[in-house]
Amino acid sequence: MKRAILFAAIAIFLLLIGLIAVLAFNSMQKPFHVGVTFGGSTAAEAKQLIDRVKDYTNLFVVQSGPLQMDIPQLENTELEKICDCAVEAGLDIIIYVGAFEIQANTTVAFINAAQERWGSHFLGLYYGDEPGGKMLDDVGRLDNIPNLGNVTKDQRGVTIRQTNGSIEIVRQFDFFGQISLSYSDSVSYNMTTYFPDGTITVFKGYADYDYHFENCEFLVYLPNGTVTLQRGLLPSSPSVVTDRGDISQFEPYQKVWDSRPFQTMDDMPAVATSYVKTQQAIIDRIHNQVDVKLFTSDYALYWWDYLSGYDVVLAQLGWNNTVAQEIGLVRGAANLQGKSWGVILTWKYKEPPYLASGEEIYSQMRTAYECGAEYVVVFNYAENMTGPYGILQLEHFDALERFWRDVVQNPFVWHGTVKAEVALVLPKDYGWGMRNPQDTIWGLWSPDSAAEQIWTQLQSKLQQYGSKLDIVYDNPAYPVAGKYPEIIYWNQTG
């Protein structure tokens, strides 16, 4: 009997020691936030959502386009009421605002007011959205490229803008072969367009002081020597003319096409450097004036988001992408650059129900938590929302509550226990989207032989190591040596 009592006492003692060790370990972990976004426009809508999630979340992200218009005048606005409501409910807040130069000063004033009003509950600003994704798929800015000036890349092609005194010179190179060269000042606008079939058009316009173009001419030079002229802005029947020369007065199409930038990936270091400096200038509008944490969410190029100055990047999990790959990319970038990271669970479908099932979202949240994410956010917006809580359904609330109860509040589930044991090192400046084997590089080039090697290596290592793999880039400023038990390079064999 005494022996049984002794064994029971020892067991209880060991259990207490274990519990103390668990609590001590958890107390040393970084703060963790989980919450939802709000994309509506009224405090009444927001309060309804806050009341629904306040018992099993600790973060409320005001990610509303209309509400950012409240920023210049914080007092007694819907934004102020929403944030007051969230903070009174015990939630921390992050507030979205577009990264527009025109409102930088009012944004700084708002940050100062927010820090004073909500104190430590105001975690920071969600400043701009998807800078890396926009570079790949939409409009990306590259300022002060050597010998080029300011370059804009979009889905159609590349545009170069330069100034010479009062004259603005714009060159547009369409990815499909069309070229437009324009010159403009305060009173005139001239544009010459080269087409792949050899046709050349010339538009000449003269503006009055109200910039109403009058006496416009539109000339078409055909390869067969015919030249037609149309006058005025309104469509009219063109007439054949013989006093405007012929197509031989222009440089040949091929010569102009061969002057386009970024013909080869030898320009990749210049593109990477310009991208970072351009984004840094945008971020520094805020960071140079006020001490605040800046967040963004993205689905590619996380490494360069951090290089640009973002403090936290939320990797988007959705669209059936590979969770381990996204975590490896964002965690690897954050680890080497000394930043924080998180995930935002976004759409899986382009139509209702938009989000993945509650079970899948729970699994993704738990994986991110165990891999060390400091922020887990569920995206909650669609243009055609009809539910009282946005696009969140009962199963998503159940998943959030289960995650809070069984993971976040469970002392036996440790945050960040899945560590990266292996680093896959990719080439310096290699801004490849990596969503599929045919993804673009910096939105400018098609994948090359290196991309094929990287893709094969990446799939192999993801299958072998899963969430224990980090994906980083070869950069002397952030050496990988000594940071991981095992390091594998993209072109390594065996």
Protein backbone atom coordinates (compact mmCIF):
# COMPACT_ATOMS: atom_id res chain seq x y z
CA MET A 1 0.00 0.00 0.00
CA LYS A 2 2.79 2.40 0.95
CA ARG A 3 4.61 1.50 -2.24
CA ALA A 4 1.51 2.32 -4.32
CA ILE A 5 1.14 5.65 -2.56
CA LEU A 6 4.82 6.37 -3.19
CA PHE A 7 4.51 5.55 -6.89
CA ALA A 8 1.40 7.72 -7.15
CA ALA A 9 3.20 10.61 -5.45
CA ILE A 10 6.15 10.25 -7.81
CA ALA A 11 3.83 10.16 -10.82
CA ILE A 12 2.04 13.29 -9.66
CA PHE A 13 5.38 14.98 -9.00
CA LEU A 14 6.66 14.12 -12.46
CA LEU A 15 3.40 15.31 -14.00
CA LEU A 16 3.71 18.60 -12.18
CA ILE A 17 7.32 18.98 -13.27
CA GLY A 18 6.28 18.30 -16.85
CA LEU A 19 3.43 20.78 -16.64
CA ILE A 20 5.74 23.43 -15.18
CA ALA A 21 8.24 22.76 -17.98
CA VAL A 22 5.49 23.10 -20.59
CA LEU A 23 4.23 26.34 -19.09
CA ALA A 24 7.76 27.70 -18.82
CA PHE A 25 8.46 26.82 -22.45
CA ASN A 26 5.24 28.40 -23.65
CA SER A 27 5.92 31.54 -21.64
CA MET A 28 9.13 32.04 -23.63
CA GLN A 29 7.40 31.82 -26.98
CA LYS A 30 6.76 34.85 -29.15
CA PRO A 31 3.27 36.38 -28.94
CA PHE A 32 0.79 34.72 -31.27
CA HIS A 33 -2.20 36.35 -32.94
CA VAL A 34 -5.13 34.77 -34.73
CA GLY A 35 -8.05 36.66 -36.20
CA VAL A 36 -10.18 37.60 -39.20
CA THR A 37 -10.32 40.47 -41.65
CA PHE A 38 -13.20 42.89 -42.01
CA GLY A 39 -13.93 44.31 -45.46
CA GLY A 40 -17.19 46.13 -44.80
CA SER A 41 -17.79 49.83 -44.31
CA THR A 42 -19.91 50.33 -41.17
CA ALA A 43 -19.37 49.97 -37.46
CA ALA A 44 -22.63 48.02 -37.16
CA GLU A 45 -21.35 45.33 -39.56
CA ALA A 46 -18.00 45.18 -37.79
CA LYS A 47 -19.56 44.87 -34.32
CA GLN A 48 -21.59 41.92 -35.47
CA LEU A 49 -18.41 40.15 -36.58
CA ILE A 50 -16.44 41.19 -33.50
CA ASP A 51 -19.12 39.82 -31.19
CA ARG A 52 -19.06 36.55 -33.14
CA VAL A 53 -15.29 35.95 -32.86
CA LYS A 54 -14.11 37.82 -29.76
CA ASP A 55 -14.14 34.74 -27.51
CA TYR A 56 -11.73 32.72 -29.65
CA THR A 57 -9.54 35.25 -31.48
CA ASN A 58 -7.25 38.06 -30.36
CA LEU A 59 -6.81 40.02 -33.59
CA PHE A 60 -9.11 42.06 -35.82
CA VAL A 61 -7.77 43.25 -39.19
CA VAL A 62 -9.66 46.20 -40.68
CA GLN A 63 -8.94 45.55 -44.35
CA SER A 64 -11.45 47.85 -45.98
CA GLY A 65 -10.92 49.99 -49.05
CA PRO A 66 -13.73 52.45 -48.23
CA LEU A 67 -12.68 52.85 -44.59
CA GLN A 68 -9.19 54.02 -45.46
CA MET A 69 -10.87 57.22 -46.62
CA ASP A 70 -11.54 57.89 -42.92
CA ILE A 71 -7.84 58.15 -42.15
CA PRO A 72 -7.38 61.93 -42.71
CA GLN A 73 -10.06 62.65 -40.10
CA LEU A 74 -9.90 60.00 -37.39
CA GLU A 75 -12.32 61.59 -34.96
CA ASN A 76 -15.88 60.23 -34.94
CA THR A 77 -15.49 58.10 -38.06
CA GLU A 78 -16.67 54.58 -38.75
CA LEU A 79 -13.04 53.43 -38.64
CA GLU A 80 -12.58 54.91 -35.18
CA LYS A 81 -15.81 53.30 -33.93
CA ILE A 82 -14.80 49.90 -35.33
CA CYS A 83 -11.36 49.99 -33.74
CA ASP A 84 -12.82 51.17 -30.43
CA CYS A 85 -15.26 48.27 -30.52
CA ALA A 86 -12.52 45.73 -31.26
CA VAL A 87 -10.21 47.02 -28.55
CA GLU A 88 -13.04 47.15 -25.99
CA ALA A 89 -13.68 43.49 -26.85
CA GLY A 90 -10.06 42.70 -25.96
CA LEU A 91 -8.78 42.36 -29.54
CA ASP A 92 -5.63 43.82 -31.04
CA ILE A 93 -6.00 45.63 -34.36
CA ILE A 94 -4.19 46.03 -37.67
CA ILE A 95 -5.50 48.64 -40.10
CA TYR A 96 -5.17 48.63 -43.89
CA VAL A 97 -4.19 51.67 -45.92
CA GLY A 98 -2.98 51.88 -49.50
CA ALA A 99 0.67 52.81 -50.04
CA PHE A 100 -0.06 56.01 -51.96
CA GLU A 101 2.43 58.85 -51.89
CA ILE A 102 -0.34 61.47 -51.93
CA GLN A 103 -1.63 60.34 -48.51
CA ALA A 104 1.69 59.52 -46.80
CA ASN A 105 1.58 62.53 -44.45
CA THR A 106 -2.03 61.93 -43.42
CA THR A 107 -1.18 58.27 -42.86
CA VAL A 108 1.66 59.23 -40.51
CA ALA A 109 -0.68 61.57 -38.60
CA PHE A 110 -3.21 58.75 -38.35
CA ILE A 111 -0.58 56.35 -37.00
CA ASN A 112 0.40 58.81 -34.29
CA ALA A 113 -3.26 59.24 -33.33
CA ALA A 114 -3.86 55.47 -33.39
CA GLN A 115 -0.85 54.78 -31.15
CA GLU A 116 -2.07 57.37 -28.67
CA ARG A 117 -5.68 56.16 -28.71
CA TRP A 118 -5.27 52.37 -28.75
CA GLY A 119 -1.76 51.95 -27.38
CA SER A 120 -0.32 48.44 -27.61
CA HIS A 121 -3.59 47.13 -29.07
CA PHE A 122 -2.62 48.88 -32.32
CA LEU A 123 -0.15 46.39 -33.79
CA GLY A 124 0.60 48.30 -36.95
CA LEU A 125 -0.41 49.18 -40.47
CA TYR A 126 -1.31 46.81 -43.29
CA TYR A 127 0.45 48.99 -45.84
CA GLY A 128 -0.26 48.20 -49.47
CA ASP A 129 -1.05 44.73 -50.74
CA GLU A 130 0.70 42.03 -52.78
CA PRO A 131 3.73 44.03 -54.01
CA GLY A 132 5.49 40.87 -55.18
CA GLY A 133 2.38 39.44 -56.81
CA LYS A 134 1.77 42.70 -58.65
CA MET A 135 5.30 42.61 -60.02
CA LEU A 136 4.68 39.15 -61.42
CA ASP A 137 1.10 39.47 -62.62
CA ASP A 138 0.01 43.09 -62.74
CA VAL A 139 1.70 46.50 -62.60
CA GLY A 140 5.19 46.66 -61.18
CA ARG A 141 7.36 49.76 -60.84
CA LEU A 142 11.11 49.82 -61.33
CA ASP A 143 12.48 53.30 -60.69
CA ASN A 144 15.87 54.66 -61.74
CA ILE A 145 17.06 51.71 -63.81
CA PRO A 146 20.54 52.65 -65.13
CA ASN A 147 20.38 54.08 -68.67
CA LEU A 148 16.60 53.64 -68.74
CA GLY A 149 15.01 55.78 -66.06
CA ASN A 150 11.64 54.80 -64.59
CA VAL A 151 10.17 51.56 -65.92
CA THR A 152 6.67 50.20 -65.48
CA LYS A 153 5.90 46.56 -66.20
CA ASP A 154 2.33 45.35 -66.67
CA GLN A 155 0.56 42.40 -68.30
CA ARG A 156 0.96 43.98 -71.72
CA GLY A 157 4.62 44.89 -71.69
CA VAL A 158 7.25 47.34 -70.50
CA THR A 159 7.00 51.14 -70.48
CA ILE A 160 10.02 53.44 -70.07
CA ARG A 161 9.53 57.07 -69.04
CA GLN A 162 12.26 59.68 -69.32
CA THR A 163 12.27 63.47 -69.30
CA ASN A 164 14.40 65.90 -71.26
CA GLY A 165 13.66 69.38 -70.01
CA SER A 166 9.94 69.94 -70.55
CA ILE A 167 9.61 66.97 -72.88
CA GLU A 168 8.46 63.58 -71.64
CA ILE A 169 9.65 60.61 -73.68
CA VAL A 170 7.74 57.35 -73.35
CA ARG A 171 8.69 54.05 -74.98
CA GLN A 172 6.29 51.13 -74.77
CA PHE A 173 7.34 47.63 -75.80
CA ASP A 174 4.44 45.23 -75.99
CA PHE A 175 5.30 41.61 -75.14
CA PHE A 176 3.57 40.63 -78.41
CA GLY A 177 5.67 42.92 -80.57
CA GLN A 178 3.93 46.31 -80.81
CA ILE A 179 6.13 49.33 -80.08
CA SER A 180 5.00 52.89 -79.30
CA LEU A 181 7.32 55.88 -79.01
CA SER A 182 5.82 59.17 -77.82
CA TYR A 183 7.04 62.69 -77.14
CA SER A 184 4.94 65.27 -75.34
CA ASP A 185 5.15 68.65 -73.71
CA SER A 186 2.55 71.14 -72.51
CA VAL A 187 1.14 71.80 -75.99
CA SER A 188 1.79 68.79 -78.19
CA TYR A 189 1.75 65.02 -78.23
CA ASN A 190 3.35 62.88 -80.93
CA MET A 191 3.30 59.10 -80.98
CA THR A 192 4.81 56.70 -83.49
CA THR A 193 3.67 53.08 -83.32
CA TYR A 194 5.44 50.15 -84.97
CA PHE A 195 3.52 46.96 -85.70
CA PRO A 196 5.06 43.51 -86.26
CA ASP A 197 3.56 43.33 -89.78
CA GLY A 198 5.61 46.37 -90.80
CA THR A 199 2.89 49.02 -90.57
CA ILE A 200 3.81 52.30 -88.85
CA THR A 201 1.31 54.87 -87.58
CA VAL A 202 2.00 58.45 -86.53
CA PHE A 203 -0.31 60.52 -84.34
CA LYS A 204 0.32 64.26 -84.05
CA GLY A 205 -1.76 66.36 -81.71
CA TYR A 206 -1.61 70.00 -80.65
CA ALA A 207 -3.30 71.00 -77.39
CA ASP A 208 -4.59 74.31 -76.14
CA TYR A 209 -4.03 75.40 -72.57
CA ASP A 210 -6.94 73.24 -71.39
CA TYR A 211 -5.30 70.22 -73.01
CA HIS A 212 -8.01 69.83 -75.64
CA PHE A 213 -6.26 68.36 -78.65
CA GLU A 214 -7.12 70.09 -81.91
CA ASN A 215 -5.87 69.78 -85.49
CA CYS A 216 -4.86 66.17 -84.87
CA GLU A 217 -3.36 64.08 -87.62
CA PHE A 218 -3.30 60.32 -87.82
CA LEU A 219 -1.01 58.93 -90.52
CA VAL A 220 -0.70 55.29 -91.54
CA TYR A 221 2.43 54.14 -93.40
CA LEU A 222 2.01 50.75 -95.06
CA PRO A 223 4.93 48.55 -96.14
CA ASN A 224 3.76 48.78 -99.77
CA GLY A 225 4.45 52.54 -99.79
CA THR A 226 0.85 53.76 -99.35
CA VAL A 227 0.33 56.59 -96.84
CA THR A 228 -3.11 57.60 -95.55
CA LEU A 229 -4.12 60.61 -93.48
CA GLN A 230 -7.02 61.21 -91.11
CA ARG A 231 -7.58 64.61 -89.46
CA GLY A 232 -9.33 65.46 -86.20
CA LEU A 233 -10.28 63.42 -83.18
CA LEU A 234 -13.49 62.00 -84.60
CA PRO A 235 -13.32 58.99 -86.93
CA SER A 236 -13.42 59.89 -90.61
CA SER A 237 -12.54 58.31 -93.93
CA PRO A 238 -8.74 58.48 -94.38
CA SER A 239 -7.36 59.88 -97.60
CA VAL A 240 -4.29 58.76 -99.48
CA VAL A 241 -1.53 61.39 -99.38
CA THR A 242 1.74 61.78 -101.29
CA ASP A 243 3.38 64.69 -99.43
CA ARG A 244 4.30 62.91 -96.18
CA GLY A 245 7.19 60.75 -97.40
CA ASP A 246 7.05 56.97 -97.15
CA ILE A 247 7.87 54.26 -94.65
CA SER A 248 11.59 54.35 -95.49
CA GLN A 249 12.01 57.54 -93.41
CA PHE A 250 11.54 55.51 -90.23
CA GLU A 251 13.97 53.15 -88.57
CA PRO A 252 13.25 49.53 -89.49
CA TYR A 253 10.97 47.65 -87.11
CA GLN A 254 13.62 45.10 -86.17
CA LYS A 255 16.12 47.78 -85.19
CA VAL A 256 13.58 49.44 -82.89
CA TRP A 257 12.49 46.09 -81.44
CA ASP A 258 16.11 45.19 -80.72
CA SER A 259 16.42 48.34 -78.56
CA ARG A 260 13.93 47.02 -76.00
CA PRO A 261 15.13 46.48 -72.42
CA PHE A 262 15.35 43.22 -70.50
CA GLN A 263 15.99 41.05 -73.53
CA THR A 264 18.00 38.60 -71.46
CA MET A 265 18.20 37.70 -67.81
CA ASP A 266 21.59 39.37 -67.62
CA ASP A 267 19.47 42.34 -66.48
CA MET A 268 18.06 40.39 -63.52
CA PRO A 269 20.40 41.92 -60.87
CA ALA A 270 19.43 45.43 -62.01
CA VAL A 271 15.73 44.51 -61.89
CA ALA A 272 16.02 43.02 -58.38
CA THR A 273 17.97 46.02 -57.10
CA SER A 274 15.54 48.51 -58.63
CA TYR A 275 12.50 46.61 -57.34
CA VAL A 276 13.82 46.70 -53.78
CA LYS A 277 14.83 50.36 -53.93
CA THR A 278 11.46 51.34 -55.43
CA GLN A 279 9.56 49.52 -52.69
CA GLN A 280 11.93 50.89 -50.03
CA ALA A 281 11.12 54.43 -51.11
CA ILE A 282 7.40 53.68 -50.69
CA ILE A 283 7.85 52.08 -47.28
CA ASP A 284 10.29 54.73 -46.05
CA ARG A 285 7.58 57.40 -46.46
CA ILE A 286 6.22 55.89 -43.25
CA HIS A 287 9.23 54.29 -41.56
CA ASN A 288 11.29 57.48 -41.79
CA GLN A 289 8.63 59.46 -39.92
CA VAL A 290 7.15 57.14 -37.32
CA ASP A 291 8.02 53.95 -35.47
CA VAL A 292 5.35 51.50 -36.55
CA LYS A 293 5.24 47.89 -37.68
CA LEU A 294 4.31 47.56 -41.36
CA PHE A 295 2.49 44.46 -42.61
CA THR A 296 1.58 43.23 -46.06
CA SER A 297 0.23 40.02 -47.53
CA ASP A 298 1.62 38.42 -50.66
CA TYR A 299 1.72 35.23 -52.67
CA ALA A 300 5.22 35.48 -54.16
CA LEU A 301 8.61 37.18 -53.81
CA TYR A 302 8.47 37.29 -49.99
CA TRP A 303 12.26 37.53 -49.83
CA TRP A 304 12.19 40.90 -51.60
CA ASP A 305 9.20 42.14 -49.59
CA TYR A 306 11.39 41.84 -46.50
CA LEU A 307 14.41 43.35 -48.26
CA SER A 308 12.19 46.32 -49.10
CA GLY A 309 11.52 47.00 -45.43
CA TYR A 310 8.30 45.24 -44.47
CA ASP A 311 8.33 44.02 -40.88
CA VAL A 312 5.77 41.25 -41.34
CA VAL A 313 4.67 39.38 -44.47
CA LEU A 314 1.53 37.23 -44.39
CA ALA A 315 1.91 34.45 -46.94
CA GLN A 316 -1.35 33.69 -48.70
CA LEU A 317 -2.57 30.11 -48.36
CA GLY A 318 -5.23 29.42 -50.95
CA TRP A 319 -5.83 28.61 -54.62
CA ASN A 320 -4.77 25.02 -53.86
CA ASN A 321 -1.15 26.06 -53.43
CA THR A 322 1.31 23.94 -51.48
CA VAL A 323 1.23 24.98 -47.83
CA ALA A 324 4.71 23.62 -47.06
CA GLN A 325 6.18 25.58 -49.98
CA GLU A 326 4.59 28.89 -48.97
CA ILE A 327 5.65 28.42 -45.35
CA GLY A 328 9.16 27.46 -46.43
CA LEU A 329 9.47 30.59 -48.55
CA VAL A 330 8.11 33.10 -46.04
CA ARG A 331 9.65 31.48 -42.93
CA GLY A 332 13.03 31.15 -44.65
CA ALA A 333 13.01 34.82 -45.69
CA ALA A 334 11.94 35.95 -42.22
CA ASN A 335 14.43 33.73 -40.41
CA LEU A 336 17.48 34.86 -42.34
CA GLN A 337 16.47 38.54 -42.37
CA GLY A 338 15.39 38.65 -38.72
CA LYS A 339 11.74 39.47 -39.38
CA SER A 340 8.34 38.12 -38.28
CA TRP A 341 5.99 36.13 -40.49
CA GLY A 342 2.47 34.82 -40.65
CA VAL A 343 -0.16 33.45 -43.01
CA ILE A 344 -3.49 34.66 -44.33
CA LEU A 345 -5.97 32.01 -45.43
CA THR A 346 -7.55 33.33 -48.57
CA TRP A 347 -9.84 32.08 -51.33
CA LYS A 348 -9.69 28.54 -52.61
CA TYR A 349 -12.44 29.17 -55.19
CA LYS A 350 -13.39 32.15 -57.38
CA GLU A 351 -17.06 31.82 -56.45
CA PRO A 352 -19.02 30.93 -53.32
CA PRO A 353 -18.11 29.46 -50.90
CA TYR A 354 -14.70 31.06 -51.74
CA LEU A 355 -12.93 29.65 -48.67
CA ALA A 356 -11.81 26.08 -48.13
CA SER A 357 -13.76 23.87 -45.75
CA GLY A 358 -13.56 24.46 -42.03
CA GLU A 359 -11.55 21.25 -41.61
CA GLU A 360 -8.97 22.33 -44.17
CA ILE A 361 -8.68 25.80 -42.68
CA TYR A 362 -8.20 24.29 -39.22
CA SER A 363 -5.41 22.07 -40.57
CA GLN A 364 -3.68 25.02 -42.25
CA MET A 365 -3.92 27.16 -39.13
CA ARG A 366 -2.48 24.40 -36.96
CA THR A 367 0.35 23.73 -39.41
CA ALA A 368 1.27 27.42 -39.51
CA TYR A 369 1.17 27.61 -35.69
CA GLU A 370 3.38 24.57 -35.25
CA CYS A 371 5.80 25.95 -37.86
CA GLY A 372 6.19 29.20 -35.91
CA ALA A 373 3.85 31.69 -37.57
CA GLU A 374 3.26 34.70 -35.32
CA TYR A 375 0.07 35.69 -37.14
CA VAL A 376 -2.74 33.59 -38.60
CA VAL A 377 -5.53 35.52 -40.32
CA VAL A 378 -8.62 34.32 -42.17
CA PHE A 379 -9.48 36.52 -45.15
CA ASN A 380 -13.15 37.47 -45.12
CA TYR A 381 -14.24 39.43 -48.18
CA ALA A 382 -15.89 39.09 -51.59
CA GLU A 383 -17.66 41.71 -53.67
CA ASN A 384 -20.93 39.78 -53.58
CA MET A 385 -21.00 38.97 -49.87
CA THR A 386 -24.50 38.18 -48.64
CA GLY A 387 -23.93 36.61 -45.22
CA PRO A 388 -24.12 38.61 -42.00
CA TYR A 389 -20.43 37.96 -41.32
CA GLY A 390 -18.92 38.35 -44.78
CA ILE A 391 -17.95 35.07 -46.44
CA LEU A 392 -17.30 33.25 -43.16
CA GLN A 393 -19.69 30.37 -42.58
CA LEU A 394 -20.52 28.34 -39.46
CA GLU A 395 -17.85 25.74 -40.27
CA HIS A 396 -15.19 28.47 -40.39
CA PHE A 397 -16.19 29.88 -37.03
CA ASP A 398 -16.16 26.35 -35.63
CA ALA A 399 -12.67 25.86 -37.03
CA LEU A 400 -11.46 29.10 -35.43
CA GLU A 401 -12.98 28.18 -32.08
CA ARG A 402 -11.51 24.68 -32.21
CA PHE A 403 -8.10 26.08 -33.15
CA TRP A 404 -8.22 28.54 -30.25
CA ARG A 405 -9.33 25.90 -27.75
CA ASP A 406 -7.34 22.86 -28.86
CA VAL A 407 -4.16 24.56 -30.07
CA VAL A 408 -3.61 28.16 -28.93
CA GLN A 409 -4.94 27.64 -25.41
CA ASN A 410 -3.61 24.10 -25.07
CA PRO A 411 -0.36 24.13 -23.03
CA PHE A 412 0.64 20.78 -24.51
CA VAL A 413 0.60 22.06 -28.10
CA TRP A 414 3.78 24.07 -28.46
CA HIS A 415 4.13 26.98 -30.80
CA GLY A 416 6.93 26.67 -33.33
CA THR A 417 7.92 23.09 -32.60
CA VAL A 418 8.28 22.23 -36.31
CA LYS A 419 11.67 23.72 -37.08
CA ALA A 420 13.32 24.06 -40.45
CA GLU A 421 16.02 21.41 -40.61
CA VAL A 422 17.02 21.97 -44.23
CA ALA A 423 17.51 25.09 -46.37
CA LEU A 424 17.16 24.97 -50.14
CA VAL A 425 19.24 27.86 -51.49
CA LEU A 426 18.14 29.47 -54.77
CA PRO A 427 20.19 31.81 -57.02
CA LYS A 428 20.67 35.43 -56.01
CA ASP A 429 18.14 37.87 -57.51
CA TYR A 430 16.13 35.00 -59.07
CA GLY A 431 12.60 36.37 -58.68
CA TRP A 432 10.71 33.35 -59.99
CA GLY A 433 7.06 32.99 -58.96
CA MET A 434 7.37 29.19 -58.51
CA ARG A 435 3.62 28.59 -58.58
CA ASN A 436 4.04 26.19 -61.48
CA PRO A 437 6.87 25.18 -63.83
CA GLN A 438 5.83 27.85 -66.39
CA ASP A 439 5.63 30.77 -63.96
CA THR A 440 7.40 33.98 -64.95
CA ILE A 441 10.62 35.41 -63.58
CA TRP A 442 10.06 38.97 -62.31
CA GLY A 443 7.04 39.11 -64.63
CA LEU A 444 9.50 39.77 -67.46
CA TRP A 445 10.97 36.47 -68.57
CA SER A 446 9.80 32.95 -69.25
CA PRO A 447 11.37 30.20 -67.15
CA ASP A 448 14.83 29.06 -68.21
CA SER A 449 16.84 25.89 -67.62
CA ALA A 450 17.61 27.00 -64.05
CA ALA A 451 13.88 27.17 -63.33
CA GLU A 452 13.51 23.59 -64.50
CA GLN A 453 16.29 22.48 -62.16
CA ILE A 454 14.84 24.46 -59.26
CA TRP A 455 11.37 23.03 -59.80
CA THR A 456 12.64 19.45 -59.83
CA GLN A 457 14.79 20.03 -56.75
CA LEU A 458 11.96 21.83 -54.94
CA GLN A 459 9.40 19.07 -55.50
CA SER A 460 11.88 16.46 -54.35
CA LYS A 461 12.81 18.31 -51.15
CA LEU A 462 9.21 19.20 -50.31
CA GLN A 463 8.28 15.55 -50.58
CA GLN A 464 11.26 14.55 -48.43
CA TYR A 465 11.15 17.25 -45.74
CA GLY A 466 7.68 18.86 -45.93
CA SER A 467 7.29 21.71 -43.44
CA LYS A 468 10.87 21.24 -42.19
CA LEU A 469 12.19 22.86 -45.39
CA ASP A 470 13.05 26.55 -45.72
CA ILE A 471 13.57 28.10 -49.17
CA VAL A 472 16.04 30.98 -49.21
CA TYR A 473 18.26 32.89 -51.61
CA ASP A 474 22.01 33.15 -52.04
CA ASN A 475 22.77 36.62 -50.66
CA PRO A 476 26.04 37.58 -48.92
CA ALA A 477 24.15 40.00 -46.67
CA TYR A 478 22.17 37.08 -45.22
CA PRO A 479 24.51 34.08 -45.08
CA VAL A 480 22.89 30.70 -44.68
CA ALA A 481 26.00 28.95 -43.34
CA GLY A 482 25.55 27.80 -39.75
CA LYS A 483 21.83 28.57 -39.69
CA TYR A 484 20.55 25.11 -40.68
CA PRO A 485 21.67 21.54 -39.96
CA GLU A 486 21.63 20.83 -43.70
CA ILE A 487 22.01 23.14 -46.70
CA ILE A 488 21.15 22.15 -50.27
CA TYR A 489 21.80 24.31 -53.30
CA TRP A 490 19.41 24.45 -56.23
CA ASN A 491 21.95 22.99 -58.69
CA GLN A 492 23.34 20.41 -56.32
CA THR A 493 23.30 16.80 -57.48
CA GLY A 494 23.18 13.68 -55.41
